[in-house]
Amino acid sequence: MNKDDSQRFYRELGDRIRQHRERAVPGMTQEELGLRVRLSRTSIVNIEKGRQHLAAHQVYIFAAALKVRPEALLPSHAEDGSFVAGKLPADVDKAIKKWAEKLG
């Protein structure tokens, strides 16, 4: 994964965390999520913007706090380096996601 793909990955991861935070508990703030995952609100802001990277174990902590499976937070990554499937909403039908992955 090159630098651009890495940056795109963390932006997508942050977008998914934000989307799930906004849906998980209506009105969940960045500060509330921070308390659940033991990080500051500033860290949550930076993670949601893709500026702060998460370790693998932290993805599980975020998933538990948001009551989703860890893979719901991870962007899909096609072999050609595109993130088409990762841009789809987390609740999209699996068949549509597979089709998008084939598009690259």
PDB file of N, CA and C in Angstrom:
ATOM      1  N   MET A   1       0.862  -1.169   0.000  1.00  0.00           N
ATOM      2  CA  MET A   1       0.000   0.000   0.000  1.00  0.00           C
ATOM      3  C   MET A   1       0.908   1.231   0.000  1.00  0.00           C
ATOM      4  N   ASN A   2       0.719   2.101  -0.983  1.00  0.00           N
ATOM      5  CA  ASN A   2       1.543   3.300  -1.037  1.00  0.00           C
ATOM      6  C   ASN A   2       0.996   4.362  -0.077  1.00  0.00           C
ATOM      7  N   LYS A   3       1.697   5.489   0.013  1.00  0.00           N
ATOM      8  CA  LYS A   3       1.327   6.541   0.974  1.00  0.00           C
ATOM      9  C   LYS A   3      -0.077   7.085   0.714  1.00  0.00           C
ATOM     10  N   ASP A   4      -0.428   7.298  -0.560  1.00  0.00           N
ATOM     11  CA  ASP A   4      -1.770   7.802  -0.886  1.00  0.00           C
ATOM     12  C   ASP A   4      -2.847   6.815  -0.457  1.00  0.00           C
ATOM     13  N   ASP A   5      -2.611   5.522  -0.715  1.00  0.00           N
ATOM     14  CA  ASP A   5      -3.572   4.499  -0.306  1.00  0.00           C
ATOM     15  C   ASP A   5      -3.696   4.453   1.214  1.00  0.00           C
ATOM     16  N   SER A   6      -2.566   4.596   1.897  1.00  0.00           N
ATOM     17  CA  SER A   6      -2.581   4.585   3.358  1.00  0.00           C
ATOM     18  C   SER A   6      -3.396   5.762   3.899  1.00  0.00           C
ATOM     19  N   GLN A   7      -3.175   6.939   3.340  1.00  0.00           N
ATOM     20  CA  GLN A   7      -3.940   8.116   3.772  1.00  0.00           C
ATOM     21  C   GLN A   7      -5.425   7.928   3.489  1.00  0.00           C
ATOM     22  N   ARG A   8      -5.734   7.406   2.326  1.00  0.00           N
ATOM     23  CA  ARG A   8      -7.130   7.161   1.955  1.00  0.00           C
ATOM     24  C   ARG A   8      -7.756   6.138   2.904  1.00  0.00           C
ATOM     25  N   PHE A   9      -7.003   5.100   3.241  1.00  0.00           N
ATOM     26  CA  PHE A   9      -7.489   4.070   4.159  1.00  0.00           C
ATOM     27  C   PHE A   9      -7.899   4.687   5.494  1.00  0.00           C
ATOM     28  N   TYR A  10      -7.027   5.518   6.068  1.00  0.00           N
ATOM     29  CA  TYR A  10      -7.326   6.090   7.381  1.00  0.00           C
ATOM     30  C   TYR A  10      -8.439   7.133   7.321  1.00  0.00           C
ATOM     31  N   ARG A  11      -8.562   7.837   6.205  1.00  0.00           N
ATOM     32  CA  ARG A  11      -9.712   8.749   6.045  1.00  0.00           C
ATOM     33  C   ARG A  11     -11.009   7.953   5.987  1.00  0.00           C
ATOM     34  N   GLU A  12     -11.000   6.851   5.237  1.00  0.00           N
ATOM     35  CA  GLU A  12     -12.187   5.996   5.125  1.00  0.00           C
ATOM     36  C   GLU A  12     -12.527   5.371   6.477  1.00  0.00           C
ATOM     37  N   LEU A  13     -11.514   4.899   7.184  1.00  0.00           N
ATOM     38  CA  LEU A  13     -11.727   4.329   8.514  1.00  0.00           C
ATOM     39  C   LEU A  13     -12.355   5.378   9.430  1.00  0.00           C
ATOM     40  N   GLY A  14     -11.813   6.579   9.404  1.00  0.00           N
ATOM     41  CA  GLY A  14     -12.359   7.665  10.222  1.00  0.00           C
ATOM     42  C   GLY A  14     -13.788   8.009   9.849  1.00  0.00           C
ATOM     43  N   ASP A  15     -14.072   8.027   8.546  1.00  0.00           N
ATOM     44  CA  ASP A  15     -15.445   8.297   8.092  1.00  0.00           C
ATOM     45  C   ASP A  15     -16.404   7.237   8.619  1.00  0.00           C
ATOM     46  N   ARG A  16     -15.986   5.992   8.568  1.00  0.00           N
ATOM     47  CA  ARG A  16     -16.854   4.903   9.037  1.00  0.00           C
ATOM     48  C   ARG A  16     -17.081   4.996  10.549  1.00  0.00           C
ATOM     49  N   ILE A  17     -16.042   5.333  11.279  1.00  0.00           N
ATOM     50  CA  ILE A  17     -16.195   5.504  12.727  1.00  0.00           C
ATOM     51  C   ILE A  17     -17.191   6.624  13.003  1.00  0.00           C
ATOM     52  N   ARG A  18     -17.048   7.744  12.311  1.00  0.00           N
ATOM     53  CA  ARG A  18     -17.964   8.873  12.503  1.00  0.00           C
ATOM     54  C   ARG A  18     -19.396   8.475  12.157  1.00  0.00           C
ATOM     55  N   GLN A  19     -19.575   7.798  11.017  1.00  0.00           N
ATOM     56  CA  GLN A  19     -20.926   7.383  10.606  1.00  0.00           C
ATOM     57  C   GLN A  19     -21.561   6.470  11.647  1.00  0.00           C
ATOM     58  N   HIS A  20     -20.792   5.526  12.146  1.00  0.00           N
ATOM     59  CA  HIS A  20     -21.335   4.609  13.153  1.00  0.00           C
ATOM     60  C   HIS A  20     -21.567   5.321  14.482  1.00  0.00           C
ATOM     61  N   ARG A  21     -20.703   6.266  14.819  1.00  0.00           N
ATOM     62  CA  ARG A  21     -20.911   7.034  16.054  1.00  0.00           C
ATOM     63  C   ARG A  21     -22.224   7.797  15.976  1.00  0.00           C
ATOM     64  N   GLU A  22     -22.471   8.420  14.844  1.00  0.00           N
ATOM     65  CA  GLU A  22     -23.686   9.221  14.684  1.00  0.00           C
ATOM     66  C   GLU A  22     -24.942   8.354  14.673  1.00  0.00           C
ATOM     67  N   ARG A  23     -24.800   7.084  14.249  1.00  0.00           N
ATOM     68  CA  ARG A  23     -25.951   6.173  14.193  1.00  0.00           C
ATOM     69  C   ARG A  23     -26.076   5.288  15.425  1.00  0.00           C
ATOM     70  N   ALA A  24     -24.949   4.989  16.070  1.00  0.00           N
ATOM     71  CA  ALA A  24     -24.935   4.011  17.163  1.00  0.00           C
ATOM     72  C   ALA A  24     -25.882   4.390  18.293  1.00  0.00           C
ATOM     73  N   VAL A  25     -25.662   5.520  18.831  1.00  0.00           N
ATOM     74  CA  VAL A  25     -26.505   6.058  19.890  1.00  0.00           C
ATOM     75  C   VAL A  25     -26.858   7.455  19.423  1.00  0.00           C
ATOM     76  N   PRO A  26     -28.110   7.703  19.129  1.00  0.00           N
ATOM     77  CA  PRO A  26     -28.466   9.030  18.615  1.00  0.00           C
ATOM     78  C   PRO A  26     -27.865  10.140  19.476  1.00  0.00           C
ATOM     79  N   GLY A  27     -27.127  10.986  18.806  1.00  0.00           N
ATOM     80  CA  GLY A  27     -26.534  12.123  19.499  1.00  0.00           C
ATOM     81  C   GLY A  27     -25.237  11.823  20.226  1.00  0.00           C
ATOM     82  N   MET A  28     -24.630  10.632  19.998  1.00  0.00           N
ATOM     83  CA  MET A  28     -23.357  10.341  20.665  1.00  0.00           C
ATOM     84  C   MET A  28     -22.319  11.352  20.197  1.00  0.00           C
ATOM     85  N   THR A  29     -21.707  12.009  21.139  1.00  0.00           N
ATOM     86  CA  THR A  29     -20.706  13.017  20.807  1.00  0.00           C
ATOM     87  C   THR A  29     -19.331  12.370  20.688  1.00  0.00           C
ATOM     88  N   GLN A  30     -18.407  13.134  20.139  1.00  0.00           N
ATOM     89  CA  GLN A  30     -17.032  12.664  20.063  1.00  0.00           C
ATOM     90  C   GLN A  30     -16.474  12.475  21.472  1.00  0.00           C
ATOM     91  N   GLU A  31     -16.863  13.341  22.375  1.00  0.00           N
ATOM     92  CA  GLU A  31     -16.395  13.216  23.755  1.00  0.00           C
ATOM     93  C   GLU A  31     -16.909  11.929  24.402  1.00  0.00           C
ATOM     94  N   GLU A  32     -18.174  11.597  24.169  1.00  0.00           N
ATOM     95  CA  GLU A  32     -18.738  10.357  24.722  1.00  0.00           C
ATOM     96  C   GLU A  32     -18.027   9.129  24.157  1.00  0.00           C
ATOM     97  N   LEU A  33     -17.765   9.146  22.855  1.00  0.00           N
ATOM     98  CA  LEU A  33     -17.024   8.028  22.265  1.00  0.00           C
ATOM     99  C   LEU A  33     -15.630   7.958  22.876  1.00  0.00           C
ATOM    100  N   GLY A  34     -15.006   9.113  23.043  1.00  0.00           N
ATOM    101  CA  GLY A  34     -13.686   9.156  23.663  1.00  0.00           C
ATOM    102  C   GLY A  34     -13.668   8.524  25.047  1.00  0.00           C
ATOM    103  N   LEU A  35     -14.692   8.803  25.834  1.00  0.00           N
ATOM    104  CA  LEU A  35     -14.784   8.197  27.169  1.00  0.00           C
ATOM    105  C   LEU A  35     -14.901   6.682  27.073  1.00  0.00           C
ATOM    106  N   ARG A  36     -15.663   6.207  26.103  1.00  0.00           N
ATOM    107  CA  ARG A  36     -15.855   4.756  25.940  1.00  0.00           C
ATOM    108  C   ARG A  36     -14.576   4.043  25.505  1.00  0.00           C
ATOM    109  N   VAL A  37     -13.750   4.728  24.712  1.00  0.00           N
ATOM    110  CA  VAL A  37     -12.533   4.088  24.197  1.00  0.00           C
ATOM    111  C   VAL A  37     -11.272   4.589  24.902  1.00  0.00           C
ATOM    112  N   ARG A  38     -11.471   5.443  25.905  1.00  0.00           N
ATOM    113  CA  ARG A  38     -10.373   5.979  26.711  1.00  0.00           C
ATOM    114  C   ARG A  38      -9.382   6.815  25.903  1.00  0.00           C
ATOM    115  N   LEU A  39      -9.947   7.675  25.058  1.00  0.00           N
ATOM    116  CA  LEU A  39      -9.146   8.634  24.302  1.00  0.00           C
ATOM    117  C   LEU A  39      -9.784  10.011  24.454  1.00  0.00           C
ATOM    118  N   SER A  40      -9.003  11.043  24.204  1.00  0.00           N
ATOM    119  CA  SER A  40      -9.534  12.405  24.307  1.00  0.00           C
ATOM    120  C   SER A  40     -10.435  12.722  23.116  1.00  0.00           C
ATOM    121  N   ARG A  41     -11.261  13.739  23.277  1.00  0.00           N
ATOM    122  CA  ARG A  41     -12.106  14.192  22.171  1.00  0.00           C
ATOM    123  C   ARG A  41     -11.233  14.618  20.997  1.00  0.00           C
ATOM    124  N   THR A  42     -10.096  15.243  21.292  1.00  0.00           N
ATOM    125  CA  THR A  42      -9.176  15.666  20.233  1.00  0.00           C
ATOM    126  C   THR A  42      -8.691  14.463  19.429  1.00  0.00           C
ATOM    127  N   SER A  43      -8.388  13.372  20.109  1.00  0.00           N
ATOM    128  CA  SER A  43      -7.975  12.156  19.397  1.00  0.00           C
ATOM    129  C   SER A  43      -9.100  11.638  18.515  1.00  0.00           C
ATOM    130  N   ILE A  44     -10.333  11.670  19.022  1.00  0.00           N
ATOM    131  CA  ILE A  44     -11.475  11.202  18.226  1.00  0.00           C
ATOM    132  C   ILE A  44     -11.621  12.067  16.979  1.00  0.00           C
ATOM    133  N   VAL A  45     -11.496  13.384  17.135  1.00  0.00           N
ATOM    134  CA  VAL A  45     -11.566  14.297  15.980  1.00  0.00           C
ATOM    135  C   VAL A  45     -10.507  13.906  14.959  1.00  0.00           C
ATOM    136  N   ASN A  46      -9.277  13.714  15.421  1.00  0.00           N
ATOM    137  CA  ASN A  46      -8.179  13.383  14.507  1.00  0.00           C
ATOM    138  C   ASN A  46      -8.359  12.015  13.855  1.00  0.00           C
ATOM    139  N   ILE A  47      -8.885  11.055  14.590  1.00  0.00           N
ATOM    140  CA  ILE A  47      -9.145   9.726  14.021  1.00  0.00           C
ATOM    141  C   ILE A  47     -10.226   9.823  12.957  1.00  0.00           C
ATOM    142  N   GLU A  48     -11.305  10.545  13.261  1.00  0.00           N
ATOM    143  CA  GLU A  48     -12.402  10.671  12.296  1.00  0.00           C
ATOM    144  C   GLU A  48     -11.969  11.411  11.031  1.00  0.00           C
ATOM    145  N   LYS A  49     -10.952  12.245  11.127  1.00  0.00           N
ATOM    146  CA  LYS A  49     -10.441  12.957   9.952  1.00  0.00           C
ATOM    147  C   LYS A  49      -9.306  12.196   9.267  1.00  0.00           C
ATOM    148  N   GLY A  50      -8.906  11.060   9.844  1.00  0.00           N
ATOM    149  CA  GLY A  50      -7.850  10.248   9.246  1.00  0.00           C
ATOM    150  C   GLY A  50      -6.456  10.725   9.561  1.00  0.00           C
ATOM    151  N   ARG A  51      -6.320  11.674  10.484  1.00  0.00           N
ATOM    152  CA  ARG A  51      -5.003  12.221  10.823  1.00  0.00           C
ATOM    153  C   ARG A  51      -4.289  11.407  11.891  1.00  0.00           C
ATOM    154  N   GLN A  52      -5.038  10.686  12.707  1.00  0.00           N
ATOM    155  CA  GLN A  52      -4.458   9.848  13.756  1.00  0.00           C
ATOM    156  C   GLN A  52      -4.798   8.405  13.424  1.00  0.00           C
ATOM    157  N   HIS A  53      -3.793   7.558  13.433  1.00  0.00           N
ATOM    158  CA  HIS A  53      -3.969   6.164  13.034  1.00  0.00           C
ATOM    159  C   HIS A  53      -4.260   5.284  14.240  1.00  0.00           C
ATOM    160  N   LEU A  54      -5.042   4.242  14.000  1.00  0.00           N
ATOM    161  CA  LEU A  54      -5.382   3.285  15.045  1.00  0.00           C
ATOM    162  C   LEU A  54      -4.540   2.027  14.909  1.00  0.00           C
ATOM    163  N   ALA A  55      -4.178   1.448  16.042  1.00  0.00           N
ATOM    164  CA  ALA A  55      -3.572   0.119  16.048  1.00  0.00           C
ATOM    165  C   ALA A  55      -4.695  -0.896  15.850  1.00  0.00           C
ATOM    166  N   ALA A  56      -4.334  -2.087  15.427  1.00  0.00           N
ATOM    167  CA  ALA A  56      -5.341  -3.116  15.138  1.00  0.00           C
ATOM    168  C   ALA A  56      -6.244  -3.383  16.337  1.00  0.00           C
ATOM    169  N   HIS A  57      -5.669  -3.470  17.535  1.00  0.00           N
ATOM    170  CA  HIS A  57      -6.495  -3.763  18.710  1.00  0.00           C
ATOM    171  C   HIS A  57      -7.484  -2.634  19.005  1.00  0.00           C
ATOM    172  N   GLN A  58      -7.137  -1.408  18.612  1.00  0.00           N
ATOM    173  CA  GLN A  58      -8.045  -0.283  18.850  1.00  0.00           C
ATOM    174  C   GLN A  58      -9.287  -0.355  17.966  1.00  0.00           C
ATOM    175  N   VAL A  59      -9.162  -0.944  16.793  1.00  0.00           N
ATOM    176  CA  VAL A  59     -10.336  -1.114  15.928  1.00  0.00           C
ATOM    177  C   VAL A  59     -11.380  -1.948  16.667  1.00  0.00           C
ATOM    178  N   TYR A  60     -10.938  -2.971  17.388  1.00  0.00           N
ATOM    179  CA  TYR A  60     -11.856  -3.811  18.169  1.00  0.00           C
ATOM    180  C   TYR A  60     -12.489  -3.020  19.314  1.00  0.00           C
ATOM    181  N   ILE A  61     -11.713  -2.160  19.942  1.00  0.00           N
ATOM    182  CA  ILE A  61     -12.236  -1.333  21.037  1.00  0.00           C
ATOM    183  C   ILE A  61     -13.303  -0.381  20.504  1.00  0.00           C
ATOM    184  N   PHE A  62     -13.026   0.249  19.365  1.00  0.00           N
ATOM    185  CA  PHE A  62     -14.008   1.154  18.753  1.00  0.00           C
ATOM    186  C   PHE A  62     -15.259   0.387  18.347  1.00  0.00           C
ATOM    187  N   ALA A  63     -15.076  -0.784  17.755  1.00  0.00           N
ATOM    188  CA  ALA A  63     -16.228  -1.586  17.323  1.00  0.00           C
ATOM    189  C   ALA A  63     -17.112  -1.935  18.517  1.00  0.00           C
ATOM    190  N   ALA A  64     -16.508  -2.331  19.622  1.00  0.00           N
ATOM    191  CA  ALA A  64     -17.290  -2.666  20.817  1.00  0.00           C
ATOM    192  C   ALA A  64     -18.033  -1.440  21.335  1.00  0.00           C
ATOM    193  N   ALA A  65     -17.371  -0.295  21.352  1.00  0.00           N
ATOM    194  CA  ALA A  65     -18.005   0.935  21.836  1.00  0.00           C
ATOM    195  C   ALA A  65     -19.169   1.353  20.949  1.00  0.00           C
ATOM    196  N   LEU A  66     -19.055   1.066  19.649  1.00  0.00           N
ATOM    197  CA  LEU A  66     -20.094   1.454  18.685  1.00  0.00           C
ATOM    198  C   LEU A  66     -21.101   0.334  18.432  1.00  0.00           C
ATOM    199  N   LYS A  67     -20.858  -0.825  19.063  1.00  0.00           N
ATOM    200  CA  LYS A  67     -21.754  -1.986  18.934  1.00  0.00           C
ATOM    201  C   LYS A  67     -21.890  -2.453  17.484  1.00  0.00           C
ATOM    202  N   VAL A  68     -20.728  -2.541  16.816  1.00  0.00           N
ATOM    203  CA  VAL A  68     -20.672  -3.068  15.453  1.00  0.00           C
ATOM    204  C   VAL A  68     -19.537  -4.085  15.392  1.00  0.00           C
ATOM    205  N   ARG A  69     -19.526  -4.866  14.328  1.00  0.00           N
ATOM    206  CA  ARG A  69     -18.419  -5.800  14.111  1.00  0.00           C
ATOM    207  C   ARG A  69     -17.206  -4.995  13.631  1.00  0.00           C
ATOM    208  N   PRO A  70     -15.995  -5.402  13.990  1.00  0.00           N
ATOM    209  CA  PRO A  70     -14.804  -4.652  13.580  1.00  0.00           C
ATOM    210  C   PRO A  70     -14.723  -4.419  12.073  1.00  0.00           C
ATOM    211  N   GLU A  71     -15.121  -5.427  11.280  1.00  0.00           N
ATOM    212  CA  GLU A  71     -15.026  -5.267   9.824  1.00  0.00           C
ATOM    213  C   GLU A  71     -15.963  -4.193   9.293  1.00  0.00           C
ATOM    214  N   ALA A  72     -16.972  -3.813  10.059  1.00  0.00           N
ATOM    215  CA  ALA A  72     -17.868  -2.732   9.631  1.00  0.00           C
ATOM    216  C   ALA A  72     -17.143  -1.392   9.613  1.00  0.00           C
ATOM    217  N   LEU A  73     -16.041  -1.304  10.344  1.00  0.00           N
ATOM    218  CA  LEU A  73     -15.278  -0.056  10.394  1.00  0.00           C
ATOM    219  C   LEU A  73     -14.174  -0.008   9.343  1.00  0.00           C
ATOM    220  N   LEU A  74     -13.782  -1.172   8.847  1.00  0.00           N
ATOM    221  CA  LEU A  74     -12.642  -1.228   7.926  1.00  0.00           C
ATOM    222  C   LEU A  74     -13.066  -1.012   6.483  1.00  0.00           C
ATOM    223  N   PRO A  75     -12.357  -0.136   5.780  1.00  0.00           N
ATOM    224  CA  PRO A  75     -12.657   0.064   4.356  1.00  0.00           C
ATOM    225  C   PRO A  75     -12.313  -1.185   3.562  1.00  0.00           C
ATOM    226  N   SER A  76     -13.082  -1.444   2.520  1.00  0.00           N
ATOM    227  CA  SER A  76     -12.743  -2.522   1.594  1.00  0.00           C
ATOM    228  C   SER A  76     -11.624  -2.022   0.707  1.00  0.00           C
ATOM    229  N   HIS A  77     -10.729  -2.905   0.357  1.00  0.00           N
ATOM    230  CA  HIS A  77      -9.587  -2.515  -0.464  1.00  0.00           C
ATOM    231  C   HIS A  77      -9.469  -3.493  -1.618  1.00  0.00           C
ATOM    232  N   ALA A  78      -9.739  -3.037  -2.815  1.00  0.00           N
ATOM    233  CA  ALA A  78      -9.633  -3.880  -4.000  1.00  0.00           C
ATOM    234  C   ALA A  78      -8.161  -4.079  -4.355  1.00  0.00           C
ATOM    235  N   GLU A  79      -7.872  -5.115  -5.125  1.00  0.00           N
ATOM    236  CA  GLU A  79      -6.491  -5.425  -5.488  1.00  0.00           C
ATOM    237  C   GLU A  79      -5.802  -4.287  -6.224  1.00  0.00           C
ATOM    238  N   ASP A  80      -6.565  -3.495  -6.967  1.00  0.00           N
ATOM    239  CA  ASP A  80      -5.935  -2.409  -7.713  1.00  0.00           C
ATOM    240  C   ASP A  80      -5.712  -1.170  -6.858  1.00  0.00           C
ATOM    241  N   GLY A  81      -6.021  -1.255  -5.557  1.00  0.00           N
ATOM    242  CA  GLY A  81      -5.758  -0.142  -4.663  1.00  0.00           C
ATOM    243  C   GLY A  81      -6.916   0.815  -4.496  1.00  0.00           C
ATOM    244  N   SER A  82      -8.043   0.549  -5.152  1.00  0.00           N
ATOM    245  CA  SER A  82      -9.169   1.473  -5.016  1.00  0.00           C
ATOM    246  C   SER A  82     -10.005   1.110  -3.800  1.00  0.00           C
ATOM    247  N   PHE A  83     -10.829   2.039  -3.406  1.00  0.00           N
ATOM    248  CA  PHE A  83     -11.652   1.865  -2.219  1.00  0.00           C
ATOM    249  C   PHE A  83     -13.126   2.039  -2.539  1.00  0.00           C
ATOM    250  N   VAL A  84     -13.551   1.625  -3.734  1.00  0.00           N
ATOM    251  CA  VAL A  84     -14.945   1.823  -4.133  1.00  0.00           C
ATOM    252  C   VAL A  84     -15.892   1.205  -3.120  1.00  0.00           C
ATOM    253  N   ALA A  85     -15.684  -0.050  -2.773  1.00  0.00           N
ATOM    254  CA  ALA A  85     -16.599  -0.716  -1.842  1.00  0.00           C
ATOM    255  C   ALA A  85     -16.553  -0.074  -0.470  1.00  0.00           C
ATOM    256  N   GLY A  86     -15.405   0.455  -0.086  1.00  0.00           N
ATOM    257  CA  GLY A  86     -15.283   1.099   1.212  1.00  0.00           C
ATOM    258  C   GLY A  86     -16.055   2.388   1.327  1.00  0.00           C
ATOM    259  N   LYS A  87     -16.469   2.961   0.206  1.00  0.00           N
ATOM    260  CA  LYS A  87     -17.219   4.208   0.227  1.00  0.00           C
ATOM    261  C   LYS A  87     -18.714   3.980   0.384  1.00  0.00           C
ATOM    262  N   LEU A  88     -19.126   2.725   0.320  1.00  0.00           N
ATOM    263  CA  LEU A  88     -20.543   2.420   0.467  1.00  0.00           C
ATOM    264  C   LEU A  88     -20.926   2.440   1.940  1.00  0.00           C
ATOM    265  N   PRO A  89     -22.175   2.752   2.253  1.00  0.00           N
ATOM    266  CA  PRO A  89     -22.615   2.717   3.651  1.00  0.00           C
ATOM    267  C   PRO A  89     -22.405   1.330   4.244  1.00  0.00           C
ATOM    268  N   ALA A  90     -22.151   1.292   5.537  1.00  0.00           N
ATOM    269  CA  ALA A  90     -21.842   0.030   6.204  1.00  0.00           C
ATOM    270  C   ALA A  90     -22.982  -0.975   6.128  1.00  0.00           C
ATOM    271  N   ASP A  91     -24.210  -0.509   5.977  1.00  0.00           N
ATOM    272  CA  ASP A  91     -25.353  -1.414   5.994  1.00  0.00           C
ATOM    273  C   ASP A  91     -25.830  -1.826   4.599  1.00  0.00           C
ATOM    274  N   VAL A  92     -25.019  -1.554   3.581  1.00  0.00           N
ATOM    275  CA  VAL A  92     -25.414  -1.886   2.217  1.00  0.00           C
ATOM    276  C   VAL A  92     -25.407  -3.407   2.027  1.00  0.00           C
ATOM    277  N   ASP A  93     -26.262  -3.878   1.186  1.00  0.00           N
ATOM    278  CA  ASP A  93     -26.390  -5.309   0.903  1.00  0.00           C
ATOM    279  C   ASP A  93     -25.041  -5.894   0.481  1.00  0.00           C
ATOM    280  N   LYS A  94     -24.716  -7.085   0.985  1.00  0.00           N
ATOM    281  CA  LYS A  94     -23.433  -7.722   0.681  1.00  0.00           C
ATOM    282  C   LYS A  94     -23.232  -7.952  -0.812  1.00  0.00           C
ATOM    283  N   ALA A  95     -24.289  -8.267  -1.534  1.00  0.00           N
ATOM    284  CA  ALA A  95     -24.166  -8.502  -2.980  1.00  0.00           C
ATOM    285  C   ALA A  95     -23.725  -7.230  -3.688  1.00  0.00           C
ATOM    286  N   ILE A  96     -24.255  -6.107  -3.276  1.00  0.00           N
ATOM    287  CA  ILE A  96     -23.860  -4.827  -3.880  1.00  0.00           C
ATOM    288  C   ILE A  96     -22.407  -4.536  -3.544  1.00  0.00           C
ATOM    289  N   LYS A  97     -21.996  -4.826  -2.309  1.00  0.00           N
ATOM    290  CA  LYS A  97     -20.604  -4.609  -1.929  1.00  0.00           C
ATOM    291  C   LYS A  97     -19.672  -5.456  -2.784  1.00  0.00           C
ATOM    292  N   LYS A  98     -20.031  -6.730  -3.004  1.00  0.00           N
ATOM    293  CA  LYS A  98     -19.192  -7.609  -3.830  1.00  0.00           C
ATOM    294  C   LYS A  98     -19.080  -7.059  -5.248  1.00  0.00           C
ATOM    295  N   TRP A  99     -20.187  -6.588  -5.775  1.00  0.00           N
ATOM    296  CA  TRP A  99     -20.193  -6.009  -7.114  1.00  0.00           C
ATOM    297  C   TRP A  99     -19.268  -4.793  -7.158  1.00  0.00           C
ATOM    298  N   ALA A 100     -19.345  -3.944  -6.151  1.00  0.00           N
ATOM    299  CA  ALA A 100     -18.496  -2.752  -6.102  1.00  0.00           C
ATOM    300  C   ALA A 100     -17.025  -3.135  -5.988  1.00  0.00           C
ATOM    301  N   GLU A 101     -16.718  -4.185  -5.237  1.00  0.00           N
ATOM    302  CA  GLU A 101     -15.334  -4.639  -5.117  1.00  0.00           C
ATOM    303  C   GLU A 101     -14.793  -5.087  -6.469  1.00  0.00           C
ATOM    304  N   LYS A 102     -15.637  -5.732  -7.271  1.00  0.00           N
ATOM    305  CA  LYS A 102     -15.212  -6.173  -8.602  1.00  0.00           C
ATOM    306  C   LYS A 102     -14.930  -4.987  -9.514  1.00  0.00           C
ATOM    307  N   LEU A 103     -15.670  -3.896  -9.319  1.00  0.00           N
ATOM    308  CA  LEU A 103     -15.439  -2.695 -10.124  1.00  0.00           C
ATOM    309  C   LEU A 103     -14.083  -2.086  -9.833  1.00  0.00           C
ATOM    310  N   GLY A 104     -13.629  -2.260  -8.582  1.00  0.00           N
ATOM    311  CA  GLY A 104     -12.357  -1.690  -8.180  1.00  0.00           C
ATOM    312  C   GLY A 104     -12.509  -0.262  -7.958  1.00  0.00           C
TER     313      GLY A 104
END
